[in-house]
Amino acid sequence: MPMNRPVRVLSLFCLVLFVALMANVTYQQYFKASSYNDSSENQRAKQADFSRQRGAILAGRTTLADSVPTNDEYKFQRRYPKGAEYAPITGFFSYVFGSTGIESSQDGVLSGDDDRLFMNRITDLVNNNQPQGGNVELTINPKVQDAGWNALRALGGDAQGAAVAIDPRTGRILGMVSTPSFDPSDLAGHDFGKVQKAYKALNPDSSDSPMVNRAIQTTLPPGSTFKLVTTAAALEAGVKPTDEFSGSSSYHIPGHSKPIINEDGQSCGGIGASKVTLQTALDWSCNVAFTDLALHHLSGDALRTQAEKFGFGQHYLDDLGPQAISRFPSGKLDDAYLALSSIGQYDVAATPLQMAMISAAIANGGKEMKPYLVDRLTSSKLDVLEQRQPEELQQSVSPSTAATLTNMMVDVVNHGTGTPAQIQGVTVAGKTGTAQSDPSRPPYAWFTSFAPAENPRIAVAVLVQKSGTARTDIAGGALAAPVAKAMMEAELQR
C-alpha cells in the first residue's frame, strides 16, 4: 500500500533532523574540539593540562624549567632553577595566568600535545604510563647569559636594561638578558592565592615593569648606534671614510631655530678642526658631522631603505614574543627631522635585538641571518623532533661596505669612544650611543659590537635604560660597553 503524503512529509522531516543532528555532533566533536579544550572556561581540560608532566627547557646542560612530582591533586610542580635570570626567555606556566615566553610558544611540545608526539602518547596509553611532554633545547650559551646578567645587575638594584648576543654566522641567540626581572616559580605555584598576590606585586603602577622583556619588547631611540645605519647608507651611496664633513660644535639648519650640537658641546673629537673625516666622525660620534653628511649626501628615503634592510619595520623572531617592531619615521622628512633621524633621534626607535642584528649583519659580510632561540626539540625519550637550521633573512649591505664598516668600527674601539670594550689579544669592532629622552629623565646608554673582527663569533647590543649613574656620567662607552665586553669574553673563552 503506497505511503500517504503526511507520512512521507513526516519521514522526510525526521530524516532532515537526523542529518542535522549528526552534522552538529560531527562539527562539535571534530571541528570545535580543540577550541573547547583550549577555552579558559574548560576547567577540566585546564586542570588535566596543569597536572601533566611537562618537558624540560634546557640551555646546554643547564636546566631552565622542569616538572617534579608533588603530593597534591596537581601531581607535578613546575619549577625554574635559574629563576629571574632566564625568566624573560622561559616565561612562566601558571594555572591562574596561563603561560608566556617559551612555555607559551613551545607549549605543544612541552605539554606532549604536539602531533609529532602522537606515537609517544599511544605508547604511554598502552603501557598505562602518565603522558610526558617533550623537551626544548635553546641556543643560549649559559656563560654568555651569566656574564650579561651579572654585568647588568652590577649597575645597581634599580638598573633597567637589556643585552642580546647573537652568533652572526647563524643567527643563534647566545644570550638574552633583561633587568629587572622576576622569579617564574612564584607564578607556577599550587597555592593560587599566593600566585595572585605575587602577580599583583609584579604589576605595580611604575616604570620598573619586571615582566617586560626589554631585549625584544622595548623600543627606544638608539642614539649614535644608529650612525652605523647612516654610515652604511652613505658608503653604499659612494661616500668614503676619508671624505670630510663639518667638524664644528653646532650646525644651524635654515628655517629651524634649534641647532644640532655634539654630545659634549665641543667641536668634533675635541680637535677644533673645521672639517673631519667620516672615520673621525664615527670614532667620536660627532652629531654635527653626521648632520652635514645626511643633508648633503642622503635623504629620508635612503635612510629608511637602509634601516629596513637591517630589519626595521619587520617581525623576524618566531620563537619568543611579543616582539616590538623597530621603526624609522615614515613620510617625507624635512631637514631638521632628517638630521635628527640620522643620529638615531626624533622618531627612530629600536630594540636591543635589532641593534645586535645590525652589528651581526656587518660582521657577517652584510648578510643578516634570521635570529632564533629554539635550537632543537626532542621527545621525553630524547628522539629528535626538529633541529633548527640557519636561515638568511636578507642582504643588508654589500660585502665591501660591510668590510669597510668593520674597519671603521674597529677604529672606534681602538681610538674612539668605544675603548672600554677592548679585549686583550682580540680585535673588537663597536659603536657607542647616548640617546636623549624626555628632559626630565637621564639619557639612554647603548653599545653594539662584535668580535673577533676578522672572524666574528659573537655580536652584542646593550641598552642601559636606567641606572644610579649621575646624568653627566651616562655614556654608551662607560655604561653599556663593559656589559658587551663581558658577554664577548664569555663566548670567546670557549
Protein backbone atom coordinates (compact mmCIF):
# COMPACT_ATOMS: atom_id res chain seq x y z
CA MET A 1 0.00 0.00 0.00
CA PRO A 2 1.61 3.31 -1.01
CA MET A 3 2.70 5.69 1.80
CA ASN A 4 0.32 8.63 2.13
CA ARG A 5 1.62 12.18 1.82
CA PRO A 6 1.59 13.20 5.55
CA VAL A 7 3.67 10.15 6.47
CA ARG A 8 6.16 10.93 3.69
CA VAL A 9 6.48 14.53 4.89
CA LEU A 10 6.98 13.39 8.50
CA SER A 11 9.58 10.83 7.44
CA LEU A 12 11.46 13.42 5.41
CA PHE A 13 11.33 15.86 8.33
CA CYS A 14 12.73 13.23 10.71
CA LEU A 15 15.48 12.45 8.21
CA VAL A 16 16.44 16.12 7.99
CA LEU A 17 16.52 16.37 11.78
CA PHE A 18 18.72 13.26 11.99
CA VAL A 19 21.16 14.60 9.38
CA ALA A 20 21.27 17.97 11.16
CA LEU A 21 21.90 16.24 14.48
CA MET A 22 24.75 14.16 13.06
CA ALA A 23 26.24 17.19 11.35
CA ASN A 24 26.15 19.17 14.57
CA VAL A 25 27.70 16.32 16.59
CA THR A 26 30.46 15.94 13.98
CA TYR A 27 31.11 19.68 13.97
CA GLN A 28 31.20 19.93 17.77
CA GLN A 29 33.36 16.84 18.34
CA TYR A 30 35.72 17.18 15.41
CA PHE A 31 36.00 20.78 14.28
CA LYS A 32 35.32 22.53 17.60
CA ALA A 33 37.01 20.07 19.95
CA SER A 34 40.35 21.87 20.05
CA SER A 35 38.77 25.27 20.73
CA TYR A 36 36.73 23.78 23.58
CA ASN A 37 39.83 22.16 25.03
CA ASP A 38 41.75 25.44 24.77
CA SER A 39 38.95 27.54 26.23
CA SER A 40 39.69 29.21 29.55
CA GLU A 41 36.20 28.17 30.63
CA ASN A 42 37.07 24.46 30.33
CA GLN A 43 38.37 23.90 33.86
CA ARG A 44 38.54 20.13 33.40
CA ALA A 45 40.94 20.37 30.46
CA LYS A 46 42.84 23.15 32.21
CA GLN A 47 43.34 21.03 35.33
CA ALA A 48 44.40 18.00 33.28
CA ASP A 49 46.97 20.12 31.45
CA PHE A 50 48.31 21.60 34.68
CA SER A 51 48.58 18.12 36.22
CA ARG A 52 50.71 16.77 33.37
CA GLN A 53 54.47 16.28 33.50
CA ARG A 54 55.75 18.93 31.12
CA GLY A 55 59.05 18.58 29.34
CA ALA A 56 62.20 20.49 30.22
CA ILE A 57 63.57 23.75 28.84
CA LEU A 58 67.35 23.49 28.55
CA ALA A 59 70.35 25.66 27.70
CA GLY A 60 73.19 23.25 27.05
CA ARG A 61 73.32 21.11 30.19
CA THR A 62 71.63 23.78 32.27
CA THR A 63 68.00 23.11 33.21
CA LEU A 64 65.89 26.25 33.00
CA ALA A 65 62.49 24.66 33.64
CA ASP A 66 61.26 21.19 34.58
CA SER A 67 58.44 19.43 36.45
CA VAL A 68 58.84 17.50 39.68
CA PRO A 69 56.30 15.19 41.41
CA THR A 70 54.13 16.55 44.23
CA ASN A 71 51.70 15.00 46.71
CA ASP A 72 48.78 17.28 45.91
CA GLU A 73 45.98 16.96 43.37
CA TYR A 74 48.05 18.51 40.57
CA LYS A 75 50.70 15.76 40.69
CA PHE A 76 53.55 17.89 39.28
CA GLN A 77 55.08 21.24 40.21
CA ARG A 78 56.71 23.39 37.54
CA ARG A 79 60.00 24.86 38.73
CA TYR A 80 62.61 27.26 37.36
CA PRO A 81 66.08 26.56 38.82
CA LYS A 82 67.66 29.68 37.27
CA GLY A 83 64.77 31.92 38.26
CA ALA A 84 64.91 35.58 37.30
CA GLU A 85 67.98 35.33 35.08
CA TYR A 86 66.11 33.36 32.42
CA ALA A 87 62.54 34.48 33.18
CA PRO A 88 62.31 36.78 30.12
CA ILE A 89 63.07 33.72 27.98
CA THR A 90 61.32 30.83 29.73
CA GLY A 91 58.30 32.86 30.77
CA PHE A 92 56.02 31.05 33.20
CA PHE A 93 53.38 28.28 33.24
CA SER A 94 50.56 29.21 35.61
CA TYR A 95 47.14 27.73 36.34
CA VAL A 96 45.78 31.21 37.08
CA PHE A 97 47.54 33.35 34.47
CA GLY A 98 48.30 30.96 31.62
CA SER A 99 51.74 30.91 30.04
CA THR A 100 54.29 33.24 28.49
CA GLY A 101 57.70 33.02 26.82
CA ILE A 102 58.99 29.64 25.64
CA GLU A 103 56.40 28.00 27.92
CA SER A 104 53.78 29.50 25.61
CA SER A 105 55.42 29.41 22.16
CA GLN A 106 56.52 25.76 22.59
CA ASP A 107 53.53 24.59 24.63
CA GLY A 108 52.61 21.85 22.17
CA VAL A 109 55.93 20.06 22.63
CA LEU A 110 56.31 20.79 26.35
CA SER A 111 52.79 19.52 27.12
CA GLY A 112 53.07 16.50 24.82
CA ASP A 113 50.16 17.58 22.61
CA ASP A 114 52.29 18.19 19.53
CA ASP A 115 51.32 15.90 16.61
CA ARG A 116 54.90 14.69 16.40
CA LEU A 117 54.47 13.13 19.85
CA PHE A 118 51.35 11.15 18.89
CA MET A 119 53.08 7.75 18.98
CA ASN A 120 54.56 8.57 22.39
CA ARG A 121 51.07 9.26 23.71
CA ILE A 122 49.81 5.95 22.30
CA THR A 123 52.75 4.08 23.88
CA ASP A 124 52.13 5.75 27.25
CA LEU A 125 48.44 4.85 27.00
CA VAL A 126 49.13 1.18 26.18
CA ASN A 127 51.69 0.92 28.99
CA ASN A 128 49.40 2.74 31.41
CA ASN A 129 52.04 5.45 31.92
CA GLN A 130 51.43 9.13 32.54
CA PRO A 131 51.95 11.11 29.31
CA GLN A 132 55.13 13.20 29.25
CA GLY A 133 55.95 16.31 27.30
CA GLY A 134 58.94 16.79 25.04
CA ASN A 135 61.99 18.96 25.68
CA VAL A 136 63.04 22.32 24.25
CA GLU A 137 66.77 22.95 23.83
CA LEU A 138 67.74 26.61 23.41
CA THR A 139 70.64 28.25 21.59
CA ILE A 140 71.71 30.14 24.73
CA ASN A 141 75.30 29.82 25.96
CA PRO A 142 74.90 29.87 29.79
CA LYS A 143 78.31 31.53 30.21
CA VAL A 144 77.30 34.41 27.95
CA GLN A 145 73.95 34.69 29.74
CA ASP A 146 75.63 34.71 33.17
CA ALA A 147 78.11 37.38 32.04
CA GLY A 148 75.39 39.71 30.77
CA TRP A 149 73.14 39.13 33.79
CA ASN A 150 75.89 39.79 36.31
CA ALA A 151 77.21 42.85 34.46
CA LEU A 152 73.78 44.49 34.21
CA ARG A 153 72.95 43.76 37.85
CA ALA A 154 76.30 45.24 38.88
CA LEU A 155 74.96 48.62 37.73
CA GLY A 156 72.72 48.71 40.80
CA GLY A 157 69.50 47.25 42.15
CA ASP A 158 67.30 49.76 40.35
CA ALA A 159 69.03 49.39 36.98
CA GLN A 160 66.85 48.84 33.94
CA GLY A 161 68.44 47.44 30.83
CA ALA A 162 68.86 44.60 28.37
CA ALA A 163 71.52 42.80 26.40
CA VAL A 164 71.36 40.47 23.41
CA ALA A 165 74.16 38.37 21.94
CA ILE A 166 73.95 36.65 18.53
CA ASP A 167 76.20 34.34 16.53
CA PRO A 168 76.42 36.45 13.34
CA ARG A 169 77.15 33.40 11.19
CA THR A 170 73.93 31.57 12.04
CA GLY A 171 71.51 33.87 13.88
CA ARG A 172 71.66 31.73 17.05
CA ILE A 173 70.84 33.86 20.08
CA LEU A 174 73.65 33.25 22.58
CA GLY A 175 72.35 35.45 25.37
CA MET A 176 69.23 37.49 26.16
CA VAL A 177 69.11 39.38 29.45
CA SER A 178 66.59 41.87 30.81
CA THR A 179 66.59 43.65 34.17
CA PRO A 180 64.76 43.98 36.47
CA SER A 181 63.22 40.52 36.26
CA PHE A 182 61.08 38.13 38.33
CA ASP A 183 61.03 34.53 39.55
CA PRO A 184 58.62 32.44 37.41
CA SER A 185 58.27 29.93 40.25
CA ASP A 186 56.18 32.48 42.16
CA LEU A 187 53.53 32.27 39.42
CA ALA A 188 53.66 28.50 38.92
CA GLY A 189 52.73 27.50 42.45
CA HIS A 190 49.70 25.47 43.53
CA ASP A 191 48.60 27.95 46.20
CA PHE A 192 46.60 30.18 43.86
CA GLY A 193 46.07 32.86 46.50
CA LYS A 194 49.84 33.32 46.76
CA VAL A 195 50.15 33.23 42.97
CA GLN A 196 47.64 36.05 42.57
CA LYS A 197 49.38 38.08 45.25
CA ALA A 198 52.77 37.57 43.57
CA TYR A 199 51.39 38.57 40.17
CA LYS A 200 49.84 41.71 41.59
CA ALA A 201 53.17 42.67 43.16
CA LEU A 202 54.87 42.31 39.76
CA ASN A 203 52.47 44.71 38.07
CA PRO A 204 52.70 47.93 40.08
CA ASP A 205 51.87 51.31 38.61
CA SER A 206 55.51 52.11 37.99
CA SER A 207 58.10 52.05 35.21
CA ASP A 208 60.00 49.06 36.62
CA SER A 209 57.94 46.54 34.60
CA PRO A 210 59.88 43.41 35.68
CA MET A 211 57.75 41.18 33.43
CA VAL A 212 58.71 43.10 30.28
CA ASN A 213 61.48 41.52 28.22
CA ARG A 214 63.34 44.72 27.35
CA ALA A 215 65.55 42.86 24.89
CA ILE A 216 62.68 42.41 22.42
CA GLN A 217 59.70 44.34 23.79
CA THR A 218 61.14 47.80 24.43
CA THR A 219 61.83 50.25 21.61
CA LEU A 220 63.81 53.39 22.43
CA PRO A 221 65.89 55.92 20.47
CA PRO A 222 69.15 54.11 19.64
CA GLY A 223 71.11 57.35 19.55
CA SER A 224 74.52 57.22 17.97
CA THR A 225 74.50 53.45 17.47
CA PHE A 226 72.13 54.25 14.59
CA LYS A 227 75.02 56.08 12.93
CA LEU A 228 76.06 52.62 11.72
CA VAL A 229 72.91 52.64 9.55
CA THR A 230 73.64 56.19 8.37
CA THR A 231 77.25 55.28 7.59
CA ALA A 232 76.14 52.16 5.73
CA ALA A 233 73.74 54.21 3.59
CA ALA A 234 76.50 56.72 2.87
CA LEU A 235 79.06 54.07 1.93
CA GLU A 236 76.52 52.37 -0.34
CA ALA A 237 75.99 55.78 -1.99
CA GLY A 238 79.72 56.16 -2.71
CA VAL A 239 80.91 58.19 0.28
CA LYS A 240 84.37 57.18 1.55
CA PRO A 241 85.69 57.04 5.15
CA THR A 242 88.24 59.73 4.21
CA ASP A 243 85.61 62.19 2.91
CA GLU A 244 85.34 65.30 5.08
CA PHE A 245 82.38 66.93 6.81
CA SER A 246 81.76 69.75 9.25
CA GLY A 247 83.74 69.46 12.47
CA SER A 248 82.23 72.44 14.28
CA SER A 249 80.45 72.29 17.62
CA SER A 250 76.99 73.10 16.19
CA TYR A 251 75.06 73.03 12.94
CA HIS A 252 72.34 75.58 12.18
CA ILE A 253 69.68 74.28 9.81
CA PRO A 254 67.97 77.03 7.77
CA GLY A 255 64.41 77.62 8.94
CA HIS A 256 64.95 76.00 12.34
CA SER A 257 65.88 77.87 15.48
CA LYS A 258 67.39 74.99 17.43
CA PRO A 259 70.82 73.86 16.17
CA ILE A 260 72.24 70.32 16.15
CA ILE A 261 75.07 70.08 18.68
CA ASN A 262 77.63 67.45 19.61
CA GLU A 263 77.07 65.47 22.80
CA ASP A 264 79.82 67.28 24.70
CA GLY A 265 79.05 70.65 23.15
CA GLN A 266 82.56 70.80 21.71
CA SER A 267 83.92 70.71 18.19
CA CYS A 268 84.11 67.24 16.67
CA GLY A 269 86.51 65.00 18.54
CA GLY A 270 87.77 67.93 20.57
CA ILE A 271 90.30 68.73 17.88
CA GLY A 272 88.95 72.15 16.87
CA ALA A 273 89.20 71.47 13.13
CA SER A 274 86.60 72.90 10.75
CA LYS A 275 86.48 69.62 8.83
CA VAL A 276 86.75 65.98 9.94
CA THR A 277 86.71 62.70 8.05
CA LEU A 278 83.78 60.30 8.25
CA GLN A 279 86.07 57.93 10.16
CA THR A 280 86.83 60.58 12.79
CA ALA A 281 83.14 61.47 12.96
CA LEU A 282 82.28 57.82 13.74
CA ASP A 283 85.18 57.47 16.20
CA TRP A 284 83.96 60.40 18.27
CA SER A 285 80.25 60.11 17.42
CA CYS A 286 80.00 63.64 16.03
CA ASN A 287 76.38 64.72 15.57
CA VAL A 288 77.33 67.79 13.52
CA ALA A 289 79.38 65.81 11.00
CA PHE A 290 76.59 63.27 10.54
CA THR A 291 74.08 66.08 10.08
CA ASP A 292 76.28 67.53 7.34
CA LEU A 293 76.55 64.04 5.79
CA ALA A 294 72.82 63.39 5.86
CA LEU A 295 71.77 66.76 4.47
CA HIS A 296 74.21 66.73 1.56
CA HIS A 297 74.55 63.05 0.63
CA LEU A 298 71.44 61.23 1.81
CA SER A 299 67.68 61.57 2.06
CA GLY A 300 64.93 60.33 4.31
CA ASP A 301 64.07 57.65 1.76
CA ALA A 302 67.68 56.47 1.55
CA LEU A 303 67.98 56.21 5.33
CA ARG A 304 64.61 54.46 5.61
CA THR A 305 65.56 51.95 2.91
CA GLN A 306 68.84 51.15 4.64
CA ALA A 307 67.14 50.81 8.02
CA GLU A 308 64.61 48.38 6.54
CA LYS A 309 67.45 46.36 5.01
CA PHE A 310 68.76 45.90 8.56
CA GLY A 311 65.34 44.79 9.85
CA PHE A 312 63.49 47.94 10.89
CA GLY A 313 59.75 47.59 10.39
CA GLN A 314 59.95 43.79 10.31
CA HIS A 315 58.91 40.88 12.51
CA TYR A 316 61.68 38.28 12.45
CA LEU A 317 61.70 36.42 15.81
CA ASP A 318 59.35 33.42 15.77
CA ASP A 319 60.39 31.60 18.95
CA LEU A 320 59.52 34.25 21.51
CA GLY A 321 57.05 37.05 21.69
CA PRO A 322 55.65 39.54 21.51
CA GLN A 323 58.41 41.22 19.51
CA ALA A 324 58.20 45.00 19.35
CA ILE A 325 58.83 46.31 15.83
CA SER A 326 61.74 48.73 15.47
CA ARG A 327 60.79 51.80 13.47
CA PHE A 328 62.10 54.57 11.26
CA PRO A 329 59.84 57.59 10.66
CA SER A 330 57.56 57.40 7.64
CA GLY A 331 56.78 60.09 5.09
CA LYS A 332 58.92 62.94 3.83
CA LEU A 333 61.41 64.31 6.37
CA ASP A 334 62.34 67.97 6.44
CA ASP A 335 65.98 68.89 7.06
CA ALA A 336 65.69 69.05 10.84
CA TYR A 337 63.97 65.66 11.14
CA LEU A 338 66.38 64.13 8.62
CA ALA A 339 69.30 65.40 10.72
CA LEU A 340 67.81 64.06 13.96
CA SER A 341 66.95 60.72 12.35
CA SER A 342 70.50 60.31 11.03
CA ILE A 343 71.80 60.36 14.62
CA GLY A 344 69.13 57.98 15.96
CA GLN A 345 66.79 60.55 17.47
CA TYR A 346 63.37 62.05 16.51
CA ASP A 347 61.03 59.07 15.85
CA VAL A 348 63.73 56.41 15.35
CA ALA A 349 63.25 53.59 17.87
CA ALA A 350 64.83 50.15 18.16
CA THR A 351 65.01 47.11 20.40
CA PRO A 352 68.35 45.78 21.68
CA LEU A 353 67.77 42.73 19.47
CA GLN A 354 67.52 45.00 16.42
CA MET A 355 70.77 46.78 17.22
CA ALA A 356 72.51 43.42 17.78
CA MET A 357 71.29 42.33 14.35
CA ILE A 358 72.87 45.39 12.73
CA SER A 359 76.27 44.50 14.14
CA ALA A 360 75.72 40.84 13.26
CA ALA A 361 74.93 41.68 9.64
CA ILE A 362 78.04 43.84 9.31
CA ALA A 363 80.12 41.09 10.94
CA ASN A 364 78.73 38.50 8.50
CA GLY A 365 79.78 40.29 5.34
CA GLY A 366 76.49 42.17 5.04
CA LYS A 367 74.35 39.03 5.23
CA GLU A 368 71.75 39.22 8.01
CA MET A 369 70.67 35.87 9.44
CA LYS A 370 67.26 35.29 10.98
CA PRO A 371 67.60 35.22 14.78
CA TYR A 372 66.36 32.13 16.58
CA LEU A 373 66.25 30.89 20.14
CA VAL A 374 65.00 27.28 19.89
CA ASP A 375 67.79 25.01 18.71
CA ARG A 376 66.24 21.54 18.98
CA LEU A 377 63.02 19.81 20.04
CA THR A 378 63.14 16.28 21.44
CA SER A 379 60.71 13.74 22.89
CA SER A 380 60.91 12.61 26.52
CA LYS A 381 62.99 9.70 25.20
CA LEU A 382 65.33 12.23 23.51
CA ASP A 383 64.26 11.38 19.96
CA VAL A 384 64.87 14.47 17.81
CA LEU A 385 61.61 16.02 16.60
CA GLU A 386 63.15 19.07 14.95
CA GLN A 387 66.63 20.52 14.51
CA ARG A 388 66.69 24.20 13.59
CA GLN A 389 68.82 25.24 10.62
CA PRO A 390 70.22 28.75 10.00
CA GLU A 391 68.19 30.89 7.62
CA GLU A 392 69.26 34.02 5.75
CA LEU A 393 66.94 36.96 6.36
CA GLN A 394 68.35 39.46 3.86
CA GLN A 395 71.46 41.09 2.40
CA SER A 396 71.71 44.30 4.39
CA VAL A 397 74.77 45.82 2.72
CA SER A 398 77.31 44.74 0.15
CA PRO A 399 80.32 42.70 1.30
CA SER A 400 82.64 45.62 0.51
CA THR A 401 80.54 48.04 2.59
CA ALA A 402 80.47 45.51 5.43
CA ALA A 403 84.27 45.21 5.29
CA THR A 404 84.72 48.99 5.35
CA LEU A 405 82.26 49.36 8.22
CA THR A 406 84.09 46.66 10.16
CA ASN A 407 87.38 48.54 9.86
CA MET A 408 85.67 51.76 10.91
CA MET A 409 84.08 50.10 13.96
CA VAL A 410 87.46 48.60 14.96
CA ASP A 411 88.87 52.13 14.93
CA VAL A 412 86.04 53.28 17.23
CA VAL A 413 87.11 50.71 19.82
CA ASN A 414 90.85 51.22 19.31
CA HIS A 415 90.91 55.03 19.24
CA GLY A 416 87.43 56.45 19.81
CA THR A 417 84.55 56.32 22.29
CA GLY A 418 84.48 52.51 22.42
CA THR A 419 87.79 51.86 24.22
CA PRO A 420 86.08 50.33 27.32
CA ALA A 421 85.17 47.34 25.10
CA GLN A 422 88.77 46.46 24.28
CA ILE A 423 89.74 42.83 24.95
CA GLN A 424 93.40 41.92 25.24
CA GLY A 425 94.52 39.88 22.25
CA VAL A 426 91.17 40.26 20.44
CA THR A 427 90.19 42.78 17.77
CA VAL A 428 86.81 44.25 18.73
CA ALA A 429 84.52 46.30 16.47
CA GLY A 430 81.91 48.51 18.12
CA LYS A 431 79.84 51.68 18.31
CA THR A 432 78.65 53.67 21.31
CA GLY A 433 75.40 55.57 21.66
CA THR A 434 73.88 58.01 24.11
CA ALA A 435 70.27 58.78 23.27
CA GLN A 436 68.39 61.75 24.65
CA SER A 437 64.93 61.07 26.05
CA ASP A 438 62.49 63.22 27.98
CA PRO A 439 64.25 66.26 29.53
CA SER A 440 63.01 65.13 32.95
CA ARG A 441 64.98 61.88 32.84
CA PRO A 442 68.57 60.85 32.05
CA PRO A 443 69.57 59.69 28.54
CA TYR A 444 69.83 56.05 27.46
CA ALA A 445 73.23 54.39 27.09
CA TRP A 446 73.80 51.99 24.17
CA PHE A 447 76.63 49.91 22.81
CA THR A 448 76.77 47.42 19.95
CA SER A 449 79.78 45.38 18.87
CA PHE A 450 81.21 42.12 17.56
CA ALA A 451 84.39 40.06 17.92
CA PRO A 452 86.83 38.91 16.76
CA ALA A 453 86.58 41.47 13.96
CA GLU A 454 88.48 39.29 11.47
CA ASN A 455 86.45 36.14 12.22
CA PRO A 456 83.33 37.16 14.16
CA ARG A 457 81.75 34.68 16.57
CA ILE A 458 79.54 36.97 18.61
CA ALA A 459 77.66 40.24 18.10
CA VAL A 460 76.17 42.09 21.06
CA ALA A 461 73.91 45.05 21.77
CA VAL A 462 73.40 46.52 25.23
CA LEU A 463 70.87 49.09 26.43
CA VAL A 464 71.05 50.73 29.84
CA GLN A 465 67.69 52.41 30.21
CA LYS A 466 68.19 53.50 33.81
CA SER A 467 70.89 53.25 36.46
CA GLY A 468 72.11 55.04 39.53
CA THR A 469 74.78 56.80 37.48
CA ALA A 470 74.92 60.58 37.59
CA ARG A 471 73.44 62.18 34.46
CA THR A 472 76.76 63.75 33.48
CA ASP A 473 78.48 60.34 33.58
CA ILE A 474 75.98 58.49 31.38
CA ALA A 475 77.54 57.33 28.11
CA GLY A 476 77.37 54.22 25.98
CA GLY A 477 81.08 53.58 26.34
CA ALA A 478 81.10 53.93 30.11
CA LEU A 479 77.92 52.01 31.00
CA ALA A 480 76.98 49.65 28.17
CA ALA A 481 80.36 48.73 26.65
CA PRO A 482 81.62 46.82 29.74
CA VAL A 483 78.48 44.65 29.64
CA ALA A 484 79.09 43.82 25.99
CA LYS A 485 82.76 43.14 26.73
CA ALA A 486 81.85 40.64 29.46
CA MET A 487 79.49 38.76 27.12
CA MET A 488 82.02 38.69 24.27
CA GLU A 489 84.76 37.38 26.57
CA ALA A 490 82.46 34.64 27.85
CA GLU A 491 81.80 33.36 24.32
CA LEU A 492 85.40 33.66 23.15
CA GLN A 493 86.70 31.68 26.11
CA ARG A 494 85.02 28.51 24.81
